Amino acid sequence: MAVQTTPADAAGLEVEIVEPGPAAGAGTGELGKRQKSLTIGAVCKALAQEFPDISISKIRYLEDQKLLTPRRTPGGYRLYTQGDVARLRTILRMQRDEFLPLRVIRQELAAGRAGETAPAPGRPARDGTRTWRSSMSVSDGAGALYSIDDVLEETKADAKLVRELEEYGVVKGELRGGVRYFDETEREIIGAVAELARYGVGGRNLRVFRSSADREANLLQQILAPALRSRNPERRKEAVEALENLAAVATHLKHLLLIRDLRKIVR
């Protein structure tokens, strides 16, 4: 593959990729076809209007997480096709609009969601209904368990922080054979708290989140309690689906209220 660049390449402008053409005798005999590609800086500029917090370091992080695989020139420059940009836009929308963790985003992409095929939470779909979703299902069972060592390695959390979370009831874990194990949800909680810890948020500060979650769970339980206790499997299934939807709506509402209050701070 030949790469034609200009002195402005490093500044983030477009570059041209010359793809290998058809083999001799197969096709029209053209030497190759040109396909425009973007440097990482150009990708940032292209997405900045929709995602003001996009940065080169964030794109590189998503690449480190195996969510993006841009090409590299012999000189080491990253080159993004239009398909790469569309994939990145989808990832950023799932983070912003659906609050999905990277693990779930990876699953969505693996399942074939390469474009914006679903409306953002609360936005009317084609049939006029409003679609809501949460990053994890409340109906999921125990699922896989992860040892404390696995959790610490994956989340980069400090062991002391995890002990604080246990002390304040944010996570509980399960003791088996003298080893503490956590389910997938608690693993994600620890990962989120580890990120907050970078800003000085400790376990004791998280009691407000735990109390808020408990109150919301109790409210949703009161709303759907009769249906959830039903012996009719179909009615119970509908109740669980309604609970999923209510949880997603509540999460979105809480996010909007938080953003509204934070905007007052930065004014």
Protein backbone atom coordinates (compact mmCIF):
# COMPACT_ATOMS: atom_id res chain seq x y z
CA MET A 1 0.00 0.00 0.00
CA ALA A 2 1.38 3.41 -0.97
CA VAL A 3 0.66 6.39 1.26
CA GLN A 4 0.76 9.92 -0.07
CA THR A 5 1.10 12.54 2.63
CA THR A 6 1.69 16.26 2.78
CA PRO A 7 3.71 18.34 5.26
CA ALA A 8 0.38 19.17 6.93
CA ASP A 9 -0.31 15.49 7.66
CA ALA A 10 0.81 15.71 11.28
CA ALA A 11 -1.48 18.70 11.80
CA GLY A 12 -4.48 16.46 11.26
CA LEU A 13 -5.50 17.09 7.67
CA GLU A 14 -6.69 14.54 5.15
CA VAL A 15 -4.24 12.13 3.61
CA GLU A 16 -4.77 9.89 0.62
CA ILE A 17 -4.37 6.13 0.74
CA VAL A 18 -3.60 4.33 -2.49
CA GLU A 19 -5.00 0.82 -2.27
CA PRO A 20 -3.53 -2.02 -4.34
CA GLY A 21 -5.51 -2.33 -7.58
CA PRO A 22 -6.76 -5.49 -9.28
CA ALA A 23 -4.24 -8.06 -10.37
CA ALA A 24 -2.93 -7.76 -13.90
CA GLY A 25 -5.51 -8.92 -16.38
CA ALA A 26 -8.37 -8.75 -13.86
CA GLY A 27 -10.57 -5.71 -14.35
CA THR A 28 -9.77 -2.51 -16.19
CA GLY A 29 -6.06 -2.59 -15.58
CA GLU A 30 -6.02 0.46 -13.29
CA LEU A 31 -3.00 0.60 -11.01
CA GLY A 32 -5.11 1.26 -7.95
CA LYS A 33 -7.94 3.20 -6.43
CA ARG A 34 -7.76 6.12 -4.06
CA GLN A 35 -9.59 6.27 -0.77
CA LYS A 36 -9.37 9.30 1.45
CA SER A 37 -8.48 8.69 5.05
CA LEU A 38 -8.04 10.92 8.10
CA THR A 39 -5.32 11.40 10.64
CA ILE A 40 -6.25 11.29 14.31
CA GLY A 41 -6.19 15.08 14.49
CA ALA A 42 -8.62 15.36 11.59
CA VAL A 43 -10.95 12.87 13.27
CA CYS A 44 -11.02 15.05 16.40
CA LYS A 45 -11.91 18.09 14.31
CA ALA A 46 -14.62 16.20 12.45
CA LEU A 47 -16.31 15.04 15.67
CA ALA A 48 -15.68 18.07 17.88
CA GLN A 49 -18.99 19.76 17.14
CA GLU A 50 -21.06 16.76 18.27
CA PHE A 51 -18.63 15.67 20.99
CA PRO A 52 -16.92 18.77 22.49
CA ASP A 53 -14.87 16.68 24.93
CA ILE A 54 -13.32 14.49 22.23
CA SER A 55 -9.53 14.42 22.33
CA ILE A 56 -6.64 12.60 20.72
CA SER A 57 -5.86 10.88 24.01
CA LYS A 58 -9.46 9.63 24.30
CA ILE A 59 -9.34 8.16 20.80
CA ARG A 60 -6.04 6.47 21.60
CA TYR A 61 -7.57 5.07 24.80
CA LEU A 62 -10.45 3.53 22.83
CA GLU A 63 -7.87 1.99 20.53
CA ASP A 64 -6.01 0.57 23.55
CA GLN A 65 -9.31 -0.98 24.63
CA LYS A 66 -9.52 -2.77 21.25
CA LEU A 67 -12.60 -0.81 20.17
CA LEU A 68 -10.82 0.80 17.23
CA THR A 69 -8.17 -0.59 14.88
CA PRO A 70 -6.94 2.20 12.58
CA ARG A 71 -4.29 1.56 10.00
CA ARG A 72 -0.72 2.68 10.51
CA THR A 73 1.64 4.19 7.99
CA PRO A 74 5.24 2.95 7.90
CA GLY A 75 6.05 6.09 9.88
CA GLY A 76 3.54 5.19 12.61
CA TYR A 77 0.72 7.63 11.78
CA ARG A 78 -2.80 6.43 12.54
CA LEU A 79 -5.10 6.59 9.53
CA TYR A 80 -8.89 6.39 9.91
CA THR A 81 -11.29 5.44 7.13
CA GLN A 82 -14.84 6.76 7.00
CA GLY A 83 -15.92 3.41 8.43
CA ASP A 84 -13.59 3.94 11.40
CA VAL A 85 -15.06 7.39 11.98
CA ALA A 86 -18.61 6.02 11.84
CA ARG A 87 -17.65 3.31 14.35
CA LEU A 88 -16.08 5.90 16.66
CA ARG A 89 -19.19 8.09 16.43
CA THR A 90 -21.33 5.10 17.41
CA ILE A 91 -19.08 4.35 20.40
CA LEU A 92 -19.22 7.95 21.61
CA ARG A 93 -23.00 8.10 21.24
CA MET A 94 -23.44 4.88 23.21
CA GLN A 95 -21.29 6.37 25.97
CA ARG A 96 -23.05 9.73 25.98
CA ASP A 97 -26.67 8.78 25.28
CA GLU A 98 -26.94 5.30 26.77
CA PHE A 99 -24.31 5.41 29.52
CA LEU A 100 -22.93 2.06 28.37
CA PRO A 101 -19.60 0.87 29.80
CA LEU A 102 -16.90 -0.14 27.33
CA ARG A 103 -17.50 -3.84 28.01
CA VAL A 104 -21.11 -3.54 26.84
CA ILE A 105 -20.15 -1.31 23.90
CA ARG A 106 -17.69 -3.97 22.80
CA GLN A 107 -20.49 -6.54 22.91
CA GLU A 108 -22.83 -4.27 20.94
CA LEU A 109 -20.23 -3.76 18.23
CA ALA A 110 -19.44 -7.48 18.11
CA ALA A 111 -23.16 -8.12 17.62
CA GLY A 112 -23.10 -5.97 14.51
CA ARG A 113 -24.10 -2.55 15.77
CA ALA A 114 -21.70 -0.54 13.60
CA GLY A 115 -23.96 2.43 12.99
CA GLU A 116 -26.62 4.44 14.76
CA THR A 117 -29.38 1.87 14.29
CA ALA A 118 -31.40 2.74 17.39
CA PRO A 119 -32.72 6.07 18.64
CA ALA A 120 -31.05 7.64 21.63
CA PRO A 121 -32.79 7.03 24.98
CA GLY A 122 -36.11 8.83 25.15
CA ARG A 123 -36.08 9.79 21.46
CA PRO A 124 -39.15 8.65 19.49
CA ALA A 125 -38.57 5.65 17.24
CA ARG A 126 -40.22 5.28 13.83
CA ASP A 127 -43.36 3.83 15.38
CA GLY A 128 -43.66 6.79 17.76
CA THR A 129 -42.68 4.86 20.88
CA ARG A 130 -39.86 5.97 23.11
CA THR A 131 -36.91 3.65 23.51
CA TRP A 132 -34.96 3.38 26.76
CA ARG A 133 -32.21 1.00 27.68
CA SER A 134 -29.81 0.44 30.54
CA SER A 135 -26.26 -0.88 30.37
CA MET A 136 -27.09 -3.99 32.41
CA SER A 137 -30.19 -6.08 32.79
CA VAL A 138 -31.89 -6.31 36.18
CA SER A 139 -33.00 -9.83 35.25
CA ASP A 140 -29.46 -11.12 34.80
CA GLY A 141 -28.62 -13.89 37.22
CA ALA A 142 -25.45 -14.33 39.20
CA GLY A 143 -23.47 -14.95 36.03
CA ALA A 144 -19.70 -15.07 36.10
CA LEU A 145 -17.77 -14.37 39.27
CA TYR A 146 -14.41 -12.62 39.35
CA SER A 147 -11.78 -13.02 42.04
CA ILE A 148 -10.55 -9.94 43.83
CA ASP A 149 -7.21 -10.28 42.02
CA ASP A 150 -8.94 -10.31 38.63
CA VAL A 151 -11.03 -7.29 39.57
CA LEU A 152 -8.02 -5.31 40.78
CA GLU A 153 -6.07 -6.14 37.64
CA GLU A 154 -8.86 -5.18 35.25
CA THR A 155 -10.15 -2.05 37.02
CA LYS A 156 -6.75 -0.83 38.29
CA ALA A 157 -8.47 -0.14 41.59
CA ASP A 158 -6.56 -0.08 44.87
CA ALA A 159 -7.25 -2.97 47.26
CA LYS A 160 -7.78 -0.47 50.08
CA LEU A 161 -10.49 1.24 48.06
CA VAL A 162 -12.31 -2.06 47.53
CA ARG A 163 -12.20 -2.71 51.28
CA GLU A 164 -13.74 0.72 51.85
CA LEU A 165 -16.52 -0.09 49.40
CA GLU A 166 -17.25 -3.29 51.31
CA GLU A 167 -17.17 -1.43 54.62
CA TYR A 168 -19.72 1.14 53.44
CA GLY A 169 -21.94 -1.46 51.78
CA VAL A 170 -21.37 -0.28 48.21
CA VAL A 171 -20.21 -3.78 47.18
CA LYS A 172 -20.45 -7.04 49.08
CA GLY A 173 -18.77 -9.80 47.12
CA GLU A 174 -18.94 -13.45 48.03
CA LEU A 175 -16.40 -15.45 50.00
CA ARG A 176 -15.57 -18.87 48.53
CA GLY A 177 -12.70 -20.97 49.77
CA GLY A 178 -11.17 -17.98 51.48
CA VAL A 179 -11.19 -15.90 48.27
CA ARG A 180 -13.47 -12.90 47.72
CA TYR A 181 -15.42 -12.98 44.43
CA PHE A 182 -17.51 -10.27 42.79
CA ASP A 183 -20.18 -10.53 40.12
CA GLU A 184 -20.13 -8.54 36.90
CA THR A 185 -22.17 -5.64 38.22
CA GLU A 186 -19.98 -5.18 41.29
CA ARG A 187 -16.90 -5.39 39.10
CA GLU A 188 -18.27 -2.50 37.02
CA ILE A 189 -19.06 -0.56 40.22
CA ILE A 190 -15.49 -0.97 41.42
CA GLY A 191 -14.22 0.20 38.03
CA ALA A 192 -16.39 3.32 38.15
CA VAL A 193 -15.33 4.10 41.72
CA ALA A 194 -11.67 3.64 40.77
CA GLU A 195 -12.17 6.33 38.14
CA LEU A 196 -13.77 8.64 40.72
CA ALA A 197 -10.89 7.93 43.11
CA ARG A 198 -8.57 9.67 40.67
CA TYR A 199 -10.37 12.88 41.67
CA GLY A 200 -10.16 12.22 45.37
CA VAL A 201 -13.55 10.55 45.86
CA GLY A 202 -13.32 7.90 48.58
CA GLY A 203 -15.55 5.12 49.82
CA ARG A 204 -17.23 7.25 52.49
CA ASN A 205 -18.21 9.81 49.85
CA LEU A 206 -20.14 7.13 48.01
CA ARG A 207 -22.75 6.65 50.69
CA VAL A 208 -24.81 9.36 49.01
CA PHE A 209 -24.86 7.28 45.80
CA ARG A 210 -25.79 4.15 47.72
CA SER A 211 -28.60 5.90 49.60
CA SER A 212 -29.95 7.40 46.38
CA ALA A 213 -29.92 4.00 44.65
CA ASP A 214 -31.70 2.37 47.58
CA ARG A 215 -34.45 5.00 47.53
CA GLU A 216 -34.94 4.68 43.78
CA ALA A 217 -35.06 0.88 43.96
CA ASN A 218 -37.69 1.04 46.71
CA LEU A 219 -39.80 3.47 44.67
CA LEU A 220 -39.71 1.29 41.56
CA GLN A 221 -40.49 -1.79 43.66
CA GLN A 222 -43.60 -0.09 45.06
CA ILE A 223 -44.79 0.80 41.57
CA LEU A 224 -44.49 -2.73 40.20
CA ALA A 225 -44.70 -4.88 43.32
CA PRO A 226 -48.07 -6.58 42.55
CA ALA A 227 -47.01 -7.59 39.03
CA LEU A 228 -43.56 -8.73 40.15
CA ARG A 229 -45.17 -11.03 42.73
CA SER A 230 -47.61 -12.48 40.20
CA ARG A 231 -47.65 -16.23 39.69
CA ASN A 232 -48.49 -15.67 36.04
CA PRO A 233 -45.16 -16.09 34.16
CA GLU A 234 -46.24 -13.80 31.32
CA ARG A 235 -47.34 -11.03 33.65
CA ARG A 236 -44.14 -11.33 35.66
CA LYS A 237 -42.07 -11.17 32.46
CA GLU A 238 -43.89 -7.99 31.43
CA ALA A 239 -43.26 -6.55 34.90
CA VAL A 240 -39.53 -7.24 34.66
CA GLU A 241 -39.42 -5.55 31.25
CA ALA A 242 -41.30 -2.58 32.68
CA LEU A 243 -38.82 -2.45 35.57
CA GLU A 244 -35.94 -2.38 33.07
CA ASN A 245 -37.57 0.52 31.27
CA LEU A 246 -38.35 2.43 34.45
CA ALA A 247 -34.78 1.99 35.67
CA ALA A 248 -33.42 3.37 32.39
CA VAL A 249 -35.83 6.32 32.47
CA ALA A 250 -34.88 7.08 36.08
CA THR A 251 -31.17 6.92 35.20
CA HIS A 252 -31.64 9.28 32.26
CA LEU A 253 -33.71 11.69 34.35
CA LYS A 254 -31.12 11.70 37.11
CA HIS A 255 -28.41 12.43 34.54
CA LEU A 256 -30.39 15.37 33.15
CA LEU A 257 -31.02 16.82 36.60
CA LEU A 258 -27.33 16.49 37.46
CA ILE A 259 -26.26 18.22 34.24
CA ARG A 260 -28.74 21.03 34.89
CA ASP A 261 -27.33 21.62 38.37
CA LEU A 262 -23.72 21.38 37.21
CA ARG A 263 -24.35 24.01 34.55
CA LYS A 264 -25.25 26.41 37.33
CA ILE A 265 -21.82 25.82 38.87
CA VAL A 266 -19.86 26.67 35.73
CA ARG A 267 -21.81 29.82 34.87
